[in-house]
All heavy atoms as atom14 arrays in JSON, in Angstrom:
{
  "sequence": "DASTNEDGFLVYRVLGSTQTLVPGCSTTTPNLTQCTDTGLTPGTY",
  "atom14_mask": [
    [1, 1, 1, 1, 1, 1, 1, 1, 0, 0, 0, 0, 0, 0],
    [1, 1, 1, 1, 1, 0, 0, 0, 0, 0, 0, 0, 0, 0],
    [1, 1, 1, 1, 1, 1, 0, 0, 0, 0, 0, 0, 0, 0],
    [1, 1, 1, 1, 1, 1, 1, 0, 0, 0, 0, 0, 0, 0],
    [1, 1, 1, 1, 1, 1, 1, 1, 0, 0, 0, 0, 0, 0],
    [1, 1, 1, 1, 1, 1, 1, 1, 1, 0, 0, 0, 0, 0],
    [1, 1, 1, 1, 1, 1, 1, 1, 0, 0, 0, 0, 0, 0],
    [1, 1, 1, 1, 0, 0, 0, 0, 0, 0, 0, 0, 0, 0],
    [1, 1, 1, 1, 1, 1, 1, 1, 1, 1, 1, 0, 0, 0],
    [1, 1, 1, 1, 1, 1, 1, 1, 0, 0, 0, 0, 0, 0],
    [1, 1, 1, 1, 1, 1, 1, 0, 0, 0, 0, 0, 0, 0],
    [1, 1, 1, 1, 1, 1, 1, 1, 1, 1, 1, 1, 0, 0],
    [1, 1, 1, 1, 1, 1, 1, 1, 1, 1, 1, 0, 0, 0],
    [1, 1, 1, 1, 1, 1, 1, 0, 0, 0, 0, 0, 0, 0],
    [1, 1, 1, 1, 1, 1, 1, 1, 0, 0, 0, 0, 0, 0],
    [1, 1, 1, 1, 0, 0, 0, 0, 0, 0, 0, 0, 0, 0],
    [1, 1, 1, 1, 1, 1, 0, 0, 0, 0, 0, 0, 0, 0],
    [1, 1, 1, 1, 1, 1, 1, 0, 0, 0, 0, 0, 0, 0],
    [1, 1, 1, 1, 1, 1, 1, 1, 1, 0, 0, 0, 0, 0],
    [1, 1, 1, 1, 1, 1, 1, 0, 0, 0, 0, 0, 0, 0],
    [1, 1, 1, 1, 1, 1, 1, 1, 0, 0, 0, 0, 0, 0],
    [1, 1, 1, 1, 1, 1, 1, 0, 0, 0, 0, 0, 0, 0],
    [1, 1, 1, 1, 1, 1, 1, 0, 0, 0, 0, 0, 0, 0],
    [1, 1, 1, 1, 0, 0, 0, 0, 0, 0, 0, 0, 0, 0],
    [1, 1, 1, 1, 1, 1, 0, 0, 0, 0, 0, 0, 0, 0],
    [1, 1, 1, 1, 1, 1, 0, 0, 0, 0, 0, 0, 0, 0],
    [1, 1, 1, 1, 1, 1, 1, 0, 0, 0, 0, 0, 0, 0],
    [1, 1, 1, 1, 1, 1, 1, 0, 0, 0, 0, 0, 0, 0],
    [1, 1, 1, 1, 1, 1, 1, 0, 0, 0, 0, 0, 0, 0],
    [1, 1, 1, 1, 1, 1, 1, 0, 0, 0, 0, 0, 0, 0],
    [1, 1, 1, 1, 1, 1, 1, 1, 0, 0, 0, 0, 0, 0],
    [1, 1, 1, 1, 1, 1, 1, 1, 0, 0, 0, 0, 0, 0],
    [1, 1, 1, 1, 1, 1, 1, 0, 0, 0, 0, 0, 0, 0],
    [1, 1, 1, 1, 1, 1, 1, 1, 1, 0, 0, 0, 0, 0],
    [1, 1, 1, 1, 1, 1, 0, 0, 0, 0, 0, 0, 0, 0],
    [1, 1, 1, 1, 1, 1, 1, 0, 0, 0, 0, 0, 0, 0],
    [1, 1, 1, 1, 1, 1, 1, 1, 0, 0, 0, 0, 0, 0],
    [1, 1, 1, 1, 1, 1, 1, 0, 0, 0, 0, 0, 0, 0],
    [1, 1, 1, 1, 0, 0, 0, 0, 0, 0, 0, 0, 0, 0],
    [1, 1, 1, 1, 1, 1, 1, 1, 0, 0, 0, 0, 0, 0],
    [1, 1, 1, 1, 1, 1, 1, 0, 0, 0, 0, 0, 0, 0],
    [1, 1, 1, 1, 1, 1, 1, 0, 0, 0, 0, 0, 0, 0],
    [1, 1, 1, 1, 0, 0, 0, 0, 0, 0, 0, 0, 0, 0],
    [1, 1, 1, 1, 1, 1, 1, 0, 0, 0, 0, 0, 0, 0],
    [1, 1, 1, 1, 1, 1, 1, 1, 1, 1, 1, 1, 0, 0]
  ],
  "atom14_positions": [
    [[-106.14, 54.33, -253.33], [-105.72, 55.43, -254.19], [-105.17, 54.85, -255.49], [-104.04, 54.38, -255.54], [-104.67, 56.28, -253.48], [-104.13, 57.39, -254.36], [-104.69, 57.64, -255.44], [-103.13, 58.01, -253.96], [0.0, 0.0, 0.0], [0.0, 0.0, 0.0], [0.0, 0.0, 0.0], [0.0, 0.0, 0.0], [0.0, 0.0, 0.0], [0.0, 0.0, 0.0]],
    [[-105.99, 54.86, -256.54], [-105.56, 54.34, -257.84], [-105.11, 55.46, -258.77], [-104.79, 55.22, -259.92], [-106.71, 53.55, -258.47], [0.0, 0.0, 0.0], [0.0, 0.0, 0.0], [0.0, 0.0, 0.0], [0.0, 0.0, 0.0], [0.0, 0.0, 0.0], [0.0, 0.0, 0.0], [0.0, 0.0, 0.0], [0.0, 0.0, 0.0], [0.0, 0.0, 0.0]],
    [[-105.09, 56.69, -258.27], [-104.7, 57.84, -259.08], [-103.18, 58.02, -259.05], [-102.52, 57.63, -258.1], [-105.35, 59.11, -258.54], [-106.74, 58.97, -258.51], [0.0, 0.0, 0.0], [0.0, 0.0, 0.0], [0.0, 0.0, 0.0], [0.0, 0.0, 0.0], [0.0, 0.0, 0.0], [0.0, 0.0, 0.0], [0.0, 0.0, 0.0], [0.0, 0.0, 0.0]],
    [[-102.68, 58.66, -260.1], [-101.24, 58.92, -260.14], [-100.91, 60.4, -260.15], [-99.76, 60.78, -259.94], [-100.61, 58.28, -261.4], [-101.26, 58.79, -262.55], [-100.73, 56.77, -261.35], [0.0, 0.0, 0.0], [0.0, 0.0, 0.0], [0.0, 0.0, 0.0], [0.0, 0.0, 0.0], [0.0, 0.0, 0.0], [0.0, 0.0, 0.0], [0.0, 0.0, 0.0]],
    [[-101.92, 61.26, -260.4], [-101.62, 62.69, -260.47], [-102.66, 63.54, -259.73], [-102.91, 64.67, -260.11], [-101.53, 63.13, -261.93], [-102.85, 63.01, -262.67], [-103.74, 62.3, -262.24], [-102.97, 63.7, -263.78], [0.0, 0.0, 0.0], [0.0, 0.0, 0.0], [0.0, 0.0, 0.0], [0.0, 0.0, 0.0], [0.0, 0.0, 0.0], [0.0, 0.0, 0.0]],
    [[-103.22, 62.98, -258.67], [-104.23, 63.75, -257.94], [-103.59, 64.79, -257.04], [-102.47, 64.62, -256.59], [-105.14, 62.82, -257.12], [-104.58, 62.38, -255.79], [-103.66, 61.17, -255.88], [-103.35, 60.7, -256.98], [-103.22, 60.7, -254.82], [0.0, 0.0, 0.0], [0.0, 0.0, 0.0], [0.0, 0.0, 0.0], [0.0, 0.0, 0.0], [0.0, 0.0, 0.0]],
    [[-104.36, 65.86, -256.81], [-103.96, 66.89, -255.85], [-104.76, 66.77, -254.56], [-104.49, 67.46, -253.59], [-104.15, 68.28, -256.45], [-103.13, 68.56, -257.54], [-101.93, 68.32, -257.31], [-103.54, 69.0, -258.63], [0.0, 0.0, 0.0], [0.0, 0.0, 0.0], [0.0, 0.0, 0.0], [0.0, 0.0, 0.0], [0.0, 0.0, 0.0], [0.0, 0.0, 0.0]],
    [[-105.76, 65.91, -254.58], [-106.58, 65.7, -253.39], [-107.79, 64.86, -253.71], [-107.91, 64.3, -254.8], [0.0, 0.0, 0.0], [0.0, 0.0, 0.0], [0.0, 0.0, 0.0], [0.0, 0.0, 0.0], [0.0, 0.0, 0.0], [0.0, 0.0, 0.0], [0.0, 0.0, 0.0], [0.0, 0.0, 0.0], [0.0, 0.0, 0.0], [0.0, 0.0, 0.0]],
    [[-108.7, 64.79, -252.75], [-109.9, 63.97, -252.88], [-111.12, 64.75, -252.44], [-111.04, 65.62, -251.57], [-109.78, 62.7, -252.02], [-108.77, 61.74, -252.55], [-107.45, 61.82, -252.17], [-109.13, 60.78, -253.47], [-106.51, 60.96, -252.67], [-108.2, 59.91, -253.99], [-106.88, 60.0, -253.59], [0.0, 0.0, 0.0], [0.0, 0.0, 0.0], [0.0, 0.0, 0.0]],
    [[-112.25, 64.43, -253.05], [-113.55, 64.95, -252.64], [-114.34, 63.75, -252.15], [-114.48, 62.76, -252.87], [-114.27, 65.6, -253.82], [-113.57, 66.77, -254.49], [-114.31, 67.17, -255.76], [-113.5, 67.94, -253.53], [0.0, 0.0, 0.0], [0.0, 0.0, 0.0], [0.0, 0.0, 0.0], [0.0, 0.0, 0.0], [0.0, 0.0, 0.0], [0.0, 0.0, 0.0]],
    [[-114.84, 63.83, -250.92], [-115.62, 62.74, -250.34], [-117.01, 63.27, -250.04], [-117.17, 64.22, -249.27], [-114.95, 62.2, -249.05], [-115.77, 61.06, -248.47], [-113.52, 61.75, -249.34], [0.0, 0.0, 0.0], [0.0, 0.0, 0.0], [0.0, 0.0, 0.0], [0.0, 0.0, 0.0], [0.0, 0.0, 0.0], [0.0, 0.0, 0.0], [0.0, 0.0, 0.0]],
    [[-118.01, 62.65, -250.66], [-119.41, 63.04, -250.47], [-120.14, 61.97, -249.7], [-120.02, 60.78, -250.0], [-120.12, 63.22, -251.81], [-119.66, 64.43, -252.57], [-118.63, 64.34, -253.49], [-120.27, 65.66, -252.37], [-118.21, 65.46, -254.2], [-119.85, 66.78, -253.07], [-118.83, 66.67, -253.98], [-118.41, 67.77, -254.67], [0.0, 0.0, 0.0], [0.0, 0.0, 0.0]],
    [[-120.92, 62.39, -248.69], [-121.83, 61.5, -247.97], [-123.21, 61.69, -248.58], [-123.65, 62.82, -248.8], [-121.88, 61.85, -246.49], [-122.87, 61.02, -245.72], [-123.15, 61.5, -244.3], [-122.07, 62.18, -243.63], [-122.15, 63.44, -243.19], [-123.23, 64.17, -243.38], [-121.14, 63.98, -242.57], [0.0, 0.0, 0.0], [0.0, 0.0, 0.0], [0.0, 0.0, 0.0]],
    [[-123.9, 60.59, -248.88], [-125.24, 60.65, -249.45], [-126.2, 59.97, -248.5], [-126.0, 58.82, -248.1], [-125.28, 59.96, -250.83], [-126.67, 60.05, -251.44], [-124.24, 60.54, -251.77], [0.0, 0.0, 0.0], [0.0, 0.0, 0.0], [0.0, 0.0, 0.0], [0.0, 0.0, 0.0], [0.0, 0.0, 0.0], [0.0, 0.0, 0.0], [0.0, 0.0, 0.0]],
    [[-127.25, 60.7, -248.14], [-128.32, 60.16, -247.31], [-129.62, 60.57, -247.97], [-129.93, 61.77, -248.04], [-128.24, 60.69, -245.87], [-129.3, 60.17, -244.91], [-129.25, 58.64, -244.79], [-129.12, 60.79, -243.54], [0.0, 0.0, 0.0], [0.0, 0.0, 0.0], [0.0, 0.0, 0.0], [0.0, 0.0, 0.0], [0.0, 0.0, 0.0], [0.0, 0.0, 0.0]],
    [[-130.35, 59.59, -248.52], [-131.54, 59.92, -249.28], [-131.14, 60.67, -250.53], [-130.31, 60.22, -251.3], [0.0, 0.0, 0.0], [0.0, 0.0, 0.0], [0.0, 0.0, 0.0], [0.0, 0.0, 0.0], [0.0, 0.0, 0.0], [0.0, 0.0, 0.0], [0.0, 0.0, 0.0], [0.0, 0.0, 0.0], [0.0, 0.0, 0.0], [0.0, 0.0, 0.0]],
    [[-131.68, 61.86, -250.72], [-131.33, 62.66, -251.89], [-130.38, 63.81, -251.54], [-130.12, 64.68, -252.36], [-132.6, 63.23, -252.54], [-133.26, 64.06, -251.62], [0.0, 0.0, 0.0], [0.0, 0.0, 0.0], [0.0, 0.0, 0.0], [0.0, 0.0, 0.0], [0.0, 0.0, 0.0], [0.0, 0.0, 0.0], [0.0, 0.0, 0.0], [0.0, 0.0, 0.0]],
    [[-129.84, 63.8, -250.32], [-128.96, 64.87, -249.87], [-127.5, 64.44, -249.95], [-127.11, 63.43, -249.37], [-129.29, 65.27, -248.41], [-130.65, 65.65, -248.33], [-128.4, 66.4, -247.94], [0.0, 0.0, 0.0], [0.0, 0.0, 0.0], [0.0, 0.0, 0.0], [0.0, 0.0, 0.0], [0.0, 0.0, 0.0], [0.0, 0.0, 0.0], [0.0, 0.0, 0.0]],
    [[-126.69, 65.21, -250.69], [-125.25, 64.98, -250.77], [-124.54, 66.05, -249.96], [-124.84, 67.23, -250.08], [-124.77, 65.07, -252.21], [-125.17, 63.94, -253.07], [-124.47, 63.98, -254.42], [-123.45, 64.65, -254.57], [-125.01, 63.27, -255.38], [0.0, 0.0, 0.0], [0.0, 0.0, 0.0], [0.0, 0.0, 0.0], [0.0, 0.0, 0.0], [0.0, 0.0, 0.0]],
    [[-123.59, 65.62, -249.15], [-122.83, 66.54, -248.31], [-121.34, 66.27, -248.49], [-120.9, 65.12, -248.41], [-123.2, 66.34, -246.82], [-124.6, 66.45, -246.67], [-122.49, 67.34, -245.94], [0.0, 0.0, 0.0], [0.0, 0.0, 0.0], [0.0, 0.0, 0.0], [0.0, 0.0, 0.0], [0.0, 0.0, 0.0], [0.0, 0.0, 0.0], [0.0, 0.0, 0.0]],
    [[-120.58, 67.32, -248.74], [-119.13, 67.21, -248.78], [-118.68, 66.97, -247.34], [-119.01, 67.75, -246.45], [-118.53, 68.49, -249.34], [-117.16, 68.44, -249.96], [-117.05, 67.4, -251.05], [-116.8, 69.8, -250.5], [0.0, 0.0, 0.0], [0.0, 0.0, 0.0], [0.0, 0.0, 0.0], [0.0, 0.0, 0.0], [0.0, 0.0, 0.0], [0.0, 0.0, 0.0]],
    [[-117.95, 65.89, -247.09], [-117.58, 65.52, -245.73], [-116.42, 66.39, -245.26], [-115.33, 66.34, -245.84], [-117.21, 64.02, -245.64], [-116.8, 63.65, -244.23], [-118.37, 63.16, -246.11], [0.0, 0.0, 0.0], [0.0, 0.0, 0.0], [0.0, 0.0, 0.0], [0.0, 0.0, 0.0], [0.0, 0.0, 0.0], [0.0, 0.0, 0.0], [0.0, 0.0, 0.0]],
    [[-116.64, 67.2, -244.2], [-115.57, 68.06, -243.69], [-114.39, 67.22, -243.2], [-114.57, 66.19, -242.58], [-116.21, 68.79, -242.51], [-117.67, 68.6, -242.66], [-117.87, 67.34, -243.44], [0.0, 0.0, 0.0], [0.0, 0.0, 0.0], [0.0, 0.0, 0.0], [0.0, 0.0, 0.0], [0.0, 0.0, 0.0], [0.0, 0.0, 0.0], [0.0, 0.0, 0.0]],
    [[-113.19, 67.66, -243.51], [-111.99, 66.95, -243.07], [-111.61, 65.78, -243.96], [-110.51, 65.27, -243.88], [0.0, 0.0, 0.0], [0.0, 0.0, 0.0], [0.0, 0.0, 0.0], [0.0, 0.0, 0.0], [0.0, 0.0, 0.0], [0.0, 0.0, 0.0], [0.0, 0.0, 0.0], [0.0, 0.0, 0.0], [0.0, 0.0, 0.0], [0.0, 0.0, 0.0]],
    [[-112.54, 65.33, -244.79], [-112.25, 64.23, -245.73], [-111.97, 64.76, -247.12], [-111.26, 64.13, -247.89], [-113.43, 63.26, -245.8], [-113.68, 62.28, -244.31], [0.0, 0.0, 0.0], [0.0, 0.0, 0.0], [0.0, 0.0, 0.0], [0.0, 0.0, 0.0], [0.0, 0.0, 0.0], [0.0, 0.0, 0.0], [0.0, 0.0, 0.0], [0.0, 0.0, 0.0]],
    [[-112.53, 65.88, -247.45], [-112.32, 66.48, -248.77], [-111.14, 67.42, -248.64], [-111.24, 68.46, -248.01], [-113.58, 67.22, -249.2], [-114.65, 66.3, -249.26], [0.0, 0.0, 0.0], [0.0, 0.0, 0.0], [0.0, 0.0, 0.0], [0.0, 0.0, 0.0], [0.0, 0.0, 0.0], [0.0, 0.0, 0.0], [0.0, 0.0, 0.0], [0.0, 0.0, 0.0]],
    [[-110.02, 66.99, -249.2], [-108.76, 67.67, -248.89], [-107.91, 67.93, -250.12], [-108.19, 67.45, -251.2], [-107.91, 66.81, -247.93], [-107.46, 65.67, -248.64], [-108.67, 66.39, -246.7], [0.0, 0.0, 0.0], [0.0, 0.0, 0.0], [0.0, 0.0, 0.0], [0.0, 0.0, 0.0], [0.0, 0.0, 0.0], [0.0, 0.0, 0.0], [0.0, 0.0, 0.0]],
    [[-106.85, 68.64, -249.89], [-105.81, 68.85, -250.9], [-104.61, 67.97, -250.56], [-103.48, 68.33, -250.81], [-105.39, 70.33, -250.93], [-104.95, 70.71, -249.63], [-106.53, 71.2, -251.38], [0.0, 0.0, 0.0], [0.0, 0.0, 0.0], [0.0, 0.0, 0.0], [0.0, 0.0, 0.0], [0.0, 0.0, 0.0], [0.0, 0.0, 0.0], [0.0, 0.0, 0.0]],
    [[-104.89, 66.78, -250.03], [-103.84, 65.85, -249.65], [-103.77, 64.71, -250.66], [-104.67, 63.87, -250.7], [-104.1, 65.27, -248.25], [-104.23, 66.33, -247.32], [-102.98, 64.34, -247.81], [0.0, 0.0, 0.0], [0.0, 0.0, 0.0], [0.0, 0.0, 0.0], [0.0, 0.0, 0.0], [0.0, 0.0, 0.0], [0.0, 0.0, 0.0], [0.0, 0.0, 0.0]],
    [[-102.76, 64.66, -251.52], [-102.63, 63.54, -252.44], [-102.28, 62.26, -251.68], [-101.75, 62.32, -250.56], [-101.5, 63.95, -253.37], [-100.77, 65.04, -252.7], [-101.7, 65.65, -251.7], [0.0, 0.0, 0.0], [0.0, 0.0, 0.0], [0.0, 0.0, 0.0], [0.0, 0.0, 0.0], [0.0, 0.0, 0.0], [0.0, 0.0, 0.0], [0.0, 0.0, 0.0]],
    [[-102.61, 61.13, -252.27], [-102.3, 59.8, -251.72], [-103.05, 59.47, -250.44], [-102.71, 58.51, -249.76], [-100.8, 59.63, -251.52], [-100.03, 59.86, -252.8], [-100.43, 59.41, -253.86], [-98.95, 60.61, -252.72], [0.0, 0.0, 0.0], [0.0, 0.0, 0.0], [0.0, 0.0, 0.0], [0.0, 0.0, 0.0], [0.0, 0.0, 0.0], [0.0, 0.0, 0.0]],
    [[-104.07, 60.23, -250.13], [-104.89, 59.94, -248.95], [-105.69, 58.66, -249.22], [-106.15, 58.43, -250.34], [-105.85, 61.1, -248.71], [-106.65, 61.11, -247.42], [-105.73, 61.38, -246.24], [-107.73, 62.18, -247.49], [0.0, 0.0, 0.0], [0.0, 0.0, 0.0], [0.0, 0.0, 0.0], [0.0, 0.0, 0.0], [0.0, 0.0, 0.0], [0.0, 0.0, 0.0]],
    [[-105.84, 57.81, -248.22], [-106.62, 56.58, -248.4], [-107.63, 56.35, -247.29], [-108.29, 55.3, -247.27], [-105.7, 55.35, -248.49], [-104.91, 55.27, -247.31], [-104.81, 55.42, -249.73], [0.0, 0.0, 0.0], [0.0, 0.0, 0.0], [0.0, 0.0, 0.0], [0.0, 0.0, 0.0], [0.0, 0.0, 0.0], [0.0, 0.0, 0.0], [0.0, 0.0, 0.0]],
    [[-107.77, 57.3, -246.38], [-108.78, 57.16, -245.34], [-109.07, 58.5, -244.68], [-108.27, 59.42, -244.75], [-108.36, 56.15, -244.27], [-107.22, 56.62, -243.39], [-106.88, 55.59, -242.32], [-107.3, 54.46, -242.37], [-106.08, 55.99, -241.37], [0.0, 0.0, 0.0], [0.0, 0.0, 0.0], [0.0, 0.0, 0.0], [0.0, 0.0, 0.0], [0.0, 0.0, 0.0]],
    [[-110.24, 58.6, -244.09], [-110.61, 59.76, -243.31], [-111.73, 59.35, -242.35], [-112.21, 58.21, -242.4], [-111.04, 60.92, -244.2], [-112.58, 60.63, -245.06], [0.0, 0.0, 0.0], [0.0, 0.0, 0.0], [0.0, 0.0, 0.0], [0.0, 0.0, 0.0], [0.0, 0.0, 0.0], [0.0, 0.0, 0.0], [0.0, 0.0, 0.0], [0.0, 0.0, 0.0]],
    [[-112.14, 60.25, -241.49], [-113.16, 59.94, -240.51], [-114.34, 60.89, -240.67], [-114.16, 62.1, -240.76], [-112.59, 60.07, -239.07], [-111.48, 59.18, -238.95], [-113.63, 59.71, -238.04], [0.0, 0.0, 0.0], [0.0, 0.0, 0.0], [0.0, 0.0, 0.0], [0.0, 0.0, 0.0], [0.0, 0.0, 0.0], [0.0, 0.0, 0.0], [0.0, 0.0, 0.0]],
    [[-115.54, 60.31, -240.72], [-116.78, 61.08, -240.78], [-117.44, 61.0, -239.41], [-117.54, 59.92, -238.83], [-117.71, 60.51, -241.85], [-118.89, 61.41, -242.15], [-118.92, 62.55, -241.66], [-119.79, 60.96, -242.88], [0.0, 0.0, 0.0], [0.0, 0.0, 0.0], [0.0, 0.0, 0.0], [0.0, 0.0, 0.0], [0.0, 0.0, 0.0], [0.0, 0.0, 0.0]],
    [[-117.85, 62.13, -238.88], [-118.43, 62.17, -237.53], [-119.86, 62.69, -237.58], [-120.33, 63.18, -238.61], [-117.6, 63.08, -236.62], [-117.59, 64.4, -237.16], [-116.17, 62.57, -236.47], [0.0, 0.0, 0.0], [0.0, 0.0, 0.0], [0.0, 0.0, 0.0], [0.0, 0.0, 0.0], [0.0, 0.0, 0.0], [0.0, 0.0, 0.0], [0.0, 0.0, 0.0]],
    [[-120.55, 62.59, -236.46], [-121.9, 63.12, -236.33], [-122.94, 62.28, -237.04], [-124.0, 62.78, -237.4], [0.0, 0.0, 0.0], [0.0, 0.0, 0.0], [0.0, 0.0, 0.0], [0.0, 0.0, 0.0], [0.0, 0.0, 0.0], [0.0, 0.0, 0.0], [0.0, 0.0, 0.0], [0.0, 0.0, 0.0], [0.0, 0.0, 0.0], [0.0, 0.0, 0.0]],
    [[-122.67, 61.0, -237.23], [-123.6, 60.11, -237.92], [-124.65, 59.56, -236.95], [-124.39, 59.43, -235.76], [-122.85, 58.96, -238.58], [-121.75, 59.38, -239.55], [-121.01, 58.15, -240.06], [-122.32, 60.18, -240.7], [0.0, 0.0, 0.0], [0.0, 0.0, 0.0], [0.0, 0.0, 0.0], [0.0, 0.0, 0.0], [0.0, 0.0, 0.0], [0.0, 0.0, 0.0]],
    [[-125.8, 59.21, -237.48], [-126.87, 58.61, -236.67], [-126.62, 57.11, -236.58], [-126.53, 56.44, -237.62], [-128.25, 58.88, -237.31], [-128.41, 60.29, -237.44], [-129.36, 58.3, -236.49], [0.0, 0.0, 0.0], [0.0, 0.0, 0.0], [0.0, 0.0, 0.0], [0.0, 0.0, 0.0], [0.0, 0.0, 0.0], [0.0, 0.0, 0.0], [0.0, 0.0, 0.0]],
    [[-126.5, 56.57, -235.36], [-126.24, 55.13, -235.21], [-127.28, 54.28, -235.93], [-128.47, 54.58, -235.91], [-126.31, 54.91, -233.7], [-125.98, 56.25, -233.12], [-126.57, 57.25, -234.08], [0.0, 0.0, 0.0], [0.0, 0.0, 0.0], [0.0, 0.0, 0.0], [0.0, 0.0, 0.0], [0.0, 0.0, 0.0], [0.0, 0.0, 0.0], [0.0, 0.0, 0.0]],
    [[-126.82, 53.2, -236.58], [-127.69, 52.27, -237.26], [-128.18, 52.72, -238.62], [-128.92, 52.0, -239.28], [0.0, 0.0, 0.0], [0.0, 0.0, 0.0], [0.0, 0.0, 0.0], [0.0, 0.0, 0.0], [0.0, 0.0, 0.0], [0.0, 0.0, 0.0], [0.0, 0.0, 0.0], [0.0, 0.0, 0.0], [0.0, 0.0, 0.0], [0.0, 0.0, 0.0]],
    [[-127.78, 53.91, -239.08], [-128.23, 54.45, -240.36], [-127.26, 54.06, -241.47], [-126.05, 54.07, -241.27], [-128.33, 55.99, -240.28], [-129.25, 56.32, -239.25], [-128.79, 56.58, -241.59], [0.0, 0.0, 0.0], [0.0, 0.0, 0.0], [0.0, 0.0, 0.0], [0.0, 0.0, 0.0], [0.0, 0.0, 0.0], [0.0, 0.0, 0.0], [0.0, 0.0, 0.0]],
    [[-127.79, 53.7, -242.63], [-126.97, 53.39, -243.8], [-126.61, 54.68, -244.52], [-127.47, 55.53, -244.75], [-127.7, 52.45, -244.76], [-127.73, 51.03, -244.26], [-128.8, 50.57, -243.52], [-126.69, 50.16, -244.55], [-128.83, 49.27, -243.05], [-126.71, 48.86, -244.09], [-127.79, 48.41, -243.34], [-127.8, 47.13, -242.88], [0.0, 0.0, 0.0], [0.0, 0.0, 0.0]]
  ]
}
């Protein structure tokens, strides 16, 4: 977290040309530095 006046974070997952806002990671929580993404396909970048 290099921000000083954030109200939250937006976390996007990109697979190919599809961007998805990651549920539970995109929050109104300032100073957040981690979250968990679920439902991923094993071995996929």
